[in-house]
Amino acid sequence: MAHAYVPEIAVDREGNEHIVQGWQDDFYGGKLGFWLFMLTEVMMFGGMFLALAYYNTLHPQEFLEASASLNRLLGGTNTVILLVSALTMGLGLLKMRAGDVKGAKLMIWATILLATIFLVIKGFEWSAEYHHGIFLMHGEMLPESTMAFGKKLFFGMYFTMTGLHGVHIIIGIGLMLWLLKRINANKVNPQHYILYFNIALYWDIVHLIWVFVFPYYYMMGAATGGTSGH
């Protein structure tokens, strides 16, 4: 059975009662704390992008050739999927604030479905790259000695960043499932939705990171006239 939120009461020296603001109502404090966490995410991925840009200046041609071998069709499809998932997550938050709890839950489930499709597509893409001997320099089909050093750097950073991004997608799915559980327990509702807001903010940063990953890794080699990948 769900329990209603009961505010904490503090009594001052004069015997006057005051409501203690809990985290459920501390909307601005909750936003500030989560924005600080998001800053650490931006710093982490930002450092990786800086490293990618630096090595690109050292091995420009090899980076272009490596980028041209990626599957732009699958990468572009996943980009659209994440953009739509950001829309469904935002619409769900708006529905929650408007009192449409059922609609908000439906939007969360839609976001989870889209995130799962993203992971499935990425899994097929990684599988193809594995069998082409690209994944972590694996395979007898493409011996390590035949791959230029610049391409090794490119693919090493590609798998690191897309893998780390995939971990964030999985964490996001877990957070959304937890959010649904909190909504069902009436611990997240139209009056207390800071948790929903912060998870939506987390999902925004996840899709925004991919918006930078896609053009830098996938579209860099488009000018070489390469195909859409394996």
Protein backbone atom coordinates (compact mmCIF):
# COMPACT_ATOMS: atom_id res chain seq x y z
CA MET A 1 0.00 0.00 0.00
CA ALA A 2 1.37 3.43 -0.94
CA HIS A 3 2.20 5.85 1.83
CA ALA A 4 1.51 9.56 1.45
CA TYR A 5 4.38 11.94 1.93
CA VAL A 6 4.32 13.31 5.49
CA PRO A 7 6.38 16.48 5.95
CA GLU A 8 8.80 16.69 8.86
CA ILE A 9 7.99 19.29 11.48
CA ALA A 10 10.66 21.20 13.41
CA VAL A 11 9.97 23.27 16.51
CA ASP A 12 12.02 26.35 17.34
CA ARG A 13 12.90 27.63 20.82
CA GLU A 14 9.72 29.65 20.99
CA GLY A 15 7.62 26.55 20.32
CA ASN A 16 6.66 27.55 16.78
CA GLU A 17 6.32 24.72 14.28
CA HIS A 18 8.00 24.86 10.86
CA ILE A 19 7.80 22.43 7.97
CA VAL A 20 11.22 21.04 7.06
CA GLN A 21 11.63 21.01 3.32
CA GLY A 22 12.46 17.45 2.19
CA TRP A 23 14.21 16.42 -1.00
CA GLN A 24 10.83 15.78 -2.64
CA ASP A 25 10.07 19.50 -2.52
CA ASP A 26 13.59 20.87 -2.91
CA PHE A 27 13.22 21.20 -6.67
CA TYR A 28 16.01 23.71 -7.25
CA GLY A 29 18.42 21.94 -4.93
CA GLY A 30 17.70 18.64 -6.65
CA LYS A 31 18.31 20.19 -10.07
CA LEU A 32 21.56 21.82 -8.95
CA GLY A 33 22.94 18.60 -7.51
CA PHE A 34 22.16 16.64 -10.64
CA TRP A 35 23.56 19.32 -12.92
CA LEU A 36 26.83 19.02 -11.03
CA PHE A 37 26.80 15.28 -11.68
CA MET A 38 26.08 15.93 -15.36
CA LEU A 39 29.09 18.24 -15.43
CA THR A 40 31.33 15.30 -14.53
CA GLU A 41 29.82 13.33 -17.43
CA VAL A 42 30.55 16.16 -19.84
CA MET A 43 34.12 16.39 -18.54
CA MET A 44 34.67 12.65 -19.00
CA PHE A 45 33.37 12.45 -22.56
CA GLY A 46 34.80 15.87 -23.37
CA GLY A 47 38.28 14.62 -22.49
CA MET A 48 37.79 11.69 -24.86
CA PHE A 49 36.71 13.99 -27.67
CA LEU A 50 39.77 16.17 -27.08
CA ALA A 51 42.00 13.09 -27.31
CA LEU A 52 40.22 12.06 -30.52
CA ALA A 53 40.72 15.53 -32.01
CA TYR A 54 44.42 15.51 -31.07
CA TYR A 55 45.15 12.11 -32.61
CA ASN A 56 43.13 13.09 -35.66
CA THR A 57 45.64 15.88 -36.32
CA LEU A 58 48.46 13.30 -36.19
CA HIS A 59 46.80 10.67 -38.41
CA PRO A 60 44.18 12.49 -40.52
CA GLN A 61 44.17 10.16 -43.53
CA GLU A 62 44.03 6.98 -41.46
CA PHE A 63 41.19 8.40 -39.37
CA LEU A 64 39.25 9.22 -42.54
CA GLU A 65 39.74 5.73 -43.92
CA ALA A 66 38.75 4.11 -40.63
CA SER A 67 35.65 6.29 -40.36
CA ALA A 68 34.62 5.40 -43.91
CA SER A 69 34.50 1.72 -42.91
CA LEU A 70 31.82 2.28 -40.25
CA ASN A 71 28.18 1.60 -41.03
CA ARG A 72 26.61 5.05 -41.37
CA LEU A 73 23.16 3.59 -42.03
CA LEU A 74 23.05 1.82 -38.66
CA GLY A 75 24.70 4.76 -36.90
CA GLY A 76 22.22 7.20 -38.43
CA THR A 77 19.27 4.96 -37.54
CA ASN A 78 20.43 4.84 -33.94
CA THR A 79 20.78 8.63 -33.93
CA VAL A 80 17.14 9.04 -34.99
CA ILE A 81 16.05 6.46 -32.39
CA LEU A 82 17.79 8.34 -29.57
CA LEU A 83 16.36 11.68 -30.71
CA VAL A 84 12.84 10.21 -30.70
CA SER A 85 13.49 8.65 -27.28
CA ALA A 86 14.45 12.08 -25.94
CA LEU A 87 11.10 13.34 -27.23
CA THR A 88 9.12 10.55 -25.56
CA MET A 89 10.97 11.07 -22.27
CA GLY A 90 10.27 14.81 -22.36
CA LEU A 91 6.61 14.28 -23.25
CA GLY A 92 6.31 11.86 -20.34
CA LEU A 93 7.63 14.50 -17.95
CA LEU A 94 5.14 17.04 -19.30
CA LYS A 95 2.31 14.55 -18.88
CA MET A 96 3.36 13.85 -15.29
CA ARG A 97 3.40 17.57 -14.47
CA ALA A 98 -0.05 17.89 -16.06
CA GLY A 99 -1.42 15.06 -13.90
CA ASP A 100 -1.59 12.41 -16.64
CA VAL A 101 0.24 9.65 -14.75
CA LYS A 102 -0.90 6.87 -17.09
CA GLY A 103 0.32 8.81 -20.12
CA ALA A 104 3.65 9.51 -18.41
CA LYS A 105 4.17 5.81 -17.72
CA LEU A 106 3.34 4.99 -21.34
CA MET A 107 6.00 7.46 -22.52
CA ILE A 108 8.56 5.91 -20.17
CA TRP A 109 7.85 2.45 -21.60
CA ALA A 110 8.20 3.88 -25.12
CA THR A 111 11.58 5.33 -24.16
CA ILE A 112 12.70 1.99 -22.72
CA LEU A 113 11.65 0.24 -25.95
CA LEU A 114 13.57 2.72 -28.10
CA ALA A 115 16.66 2.40 -25.87
CA THR A 116 16.49 -1.39 -26.19
CA ILE A 117 16.25 -1.14 -29.98
CA PHE A 118 19.31 1.12 -29.93
CA LEU A 119 21.29 -1.52 -28.04
CA VAL A 120 20.13 -4.31 -30.35
CA ILE A 121 21.22 -2.36 -33.45
CA LYS A 122 24.53 -1.52 -31.81
CA GLY A 123 24.97 -5.20 -30.99
CA PHE A 124 24.52 -6.16 -34.66
CA GLU A 125 26.96 -3.44 -35.67
CA TRP A 126 29.60 -4.56 -33.18
CA SER A 127 29.08 -8.18 -34.25
CA ALA A 128 29.78 -7.27 -37.89
CA GLU A 129 32.87 -5.33 -36.88
CA TYR A 130 34.04 -8.26 -34.79
CA HIS A 131 33.80 -10.64 -37.73
CA HIS A 132 35.65 -8.16 -39.92
CA GLY A 133 38.54 -8.24 -37.47
CA ILE A 134 38.10 -4.64 -36.30
CA PHE A 135 36.85 -5.24 -32.77
CA LEU A 136 39.84 -4.77 -30.43
CA MET A 137 42.19 -5.89 -33.21
CA HIS A 138 40.54 -9.32 -33.07
CA GLY A 139 40.60 -11.97 -35.67
CA GLU A 140 42.70 -13.80 -38.15
CA MET A 141 40.82 -12.15 -41.01
CA LEU A 142 42.62 -8.88 -40.38
CA PRO A 143 46.00 -9.47 -38.72
CA GLU A 144 47.18 -6.66 -36.47
CA SER A 145 50.24 -6.12 -38.63
CA THR A 146 48.06 -5.06 -41.60
CA MET A 147 46.30 -2.25 -39.72
CA ALA A 148 47.94 1.17 -39.64
CA PHE A 149 48.62 2.67 -36.23
CA GLY A 150 46.24 5.59 -36.81
CA LYS A 151 43.39 3.18 -37.53
CA LYS A 152 44.17 1.28 -34.34
CA LEU A 153 43.86 4.55 -32.41
CA PHE A 154 40.58 5.39 -34.14
CA PHE A 155 38.94 2.03 -33.55
CA GLY A 156 40.28 1.81 -30.01
CA MET A 157 38.64 5.14 -29.14
CA TYR A 158 35.52 4.24 -31.13
CA PHE A 159 34.89 1.06 -29.14
CA THR A 160 35.79 2.78 -25.87
CA MET A 161 33.38 5.68 -26.37
CA THR A 162 30.51 3.73 -27.93
CA GLY A 163 30.93 1.02 -25.30
CA LEU A 164 30.88 3.55 -22.47
CA HIS A 165 27.88 5.23 -24.06
CA GLY A 166 26.17 1.82 -24.25
CA VAL A 167 26.75 1.36 -20.52
CA HIS A 168 25.01 4.70 -19.97
CA ILE A 169 22.07 3.48 -22.07
CA ILE A 170 21.78 0.36 -19.90
CA ILE A 171 21.96 2.47 -16.73
CA GLY A 172 19.25 4.72 -18.18
CA ILE A 173 16.96 1.74 -18.79
CA GLY A 174 17.51 0.63 -15.20
CA LEU A 175 16.71 4.12 -13.91
CA MET A 176 13.51 4.26 -15.94
CA LEU A 177 12.38 0.88 -14.61
CA TRP A 178 13.07 2.15 -11.10
CA LEU A 179 11.15 5.33 -11.91
CA LEU A 180 8.13 3.26 -12.98
CA LYS A 181 8.31 1.41 -9.68
CA ARG A 182 8.39 4.71 -7.76
CA ILE A 183 5.43 6.02 -9.76
CA ASN A 184 3.42 2.86 -9.02
CA ALA A 185 4.19 3.37 -5.33
CA ASN A 186 2.98 7.00 -5.62
CA LYS A 187 6.40 8.23 -4.51
CA VAL A 188 6.69 10.09 -7.79
CA ASN A 189 3.56 11.99 -8.72
CA PRO A 190 2.47 15.34 -10.22
CA GLN A 191 3.35 17.08 -6.95
CA HIS A 192 6.72 15.37 -6.37
CA TYR A 193 8.43 14.73 -9.69
CA ILE A 194 12.05 15.82 -9.12
CA LEU A 195 13.24 12.22 -9.60
CA TYR A 196 11.48 12.08 -12.96
CA PHE A 197 13.00 15.43 -13.92
CA ASN A 198 16.53 14.30 -13.10
CA ILE A 199 16.22 10.99 -14.95
CA ALA A 200 14.90 12.89 -17.98
CA LEU A 201 17.91 15.19 -17.66
CA TYR A 202 20.21 12.16 -17.55
CA TRP A 203 18.59 10.82 -20.71
CA ASP A 204 19.10 14.19 -22.38
CA ILE A 205 22.85 14.05 -21.78
CA VAL A 206 22.95 10.45 -23.04
CA HIS A 207 21.35 11.35 -26.37
CA LEU A 208 23.34 14.59 -26.68
CA ILE A 209 26.62 12.71 -26.32
CA TRP A 210 25.59 10.44 -29.18
CA VAL A 211 24.72 13.48 -31.30
CA PHE A 212 28.44 14.34 -31.13
CA VAL A 213 29.67 10.74 -31.40
CA PHE A 214 27.81 10.09 -34.66
CA PRO A 215 29.20 12.92 -36.81
CA TYR A 216 32.73 12.67 -35.44
CA TYR A 217 33.12 8.92 -35.87
CA TYR A 218 30.69 8.04 -38.65
CA MET A 219 30.56 11.12 -40.86
CA MET A 220 34.25 12.02 -40.78
CA GLY A 221 34.97 9.57 -43.59
CA ALA A 222 31.92 10.47 -45.69
CA ALA A 223 34.03 12.87 -47.77
CA THR A 224 36.27 10.00 -48.89
CA GLY A 225 33.44 8.54 -50.90
CA GLY A 226 33.36 5.34 -48.86
CA THR A 227 30.35 3.12 -48.57
CA SER A 228 27.96 2.98 -45.65
CA GLY A 229 30.14 0.48 -43.87
CA HIS A 230 30.19 -3.29 -43.46
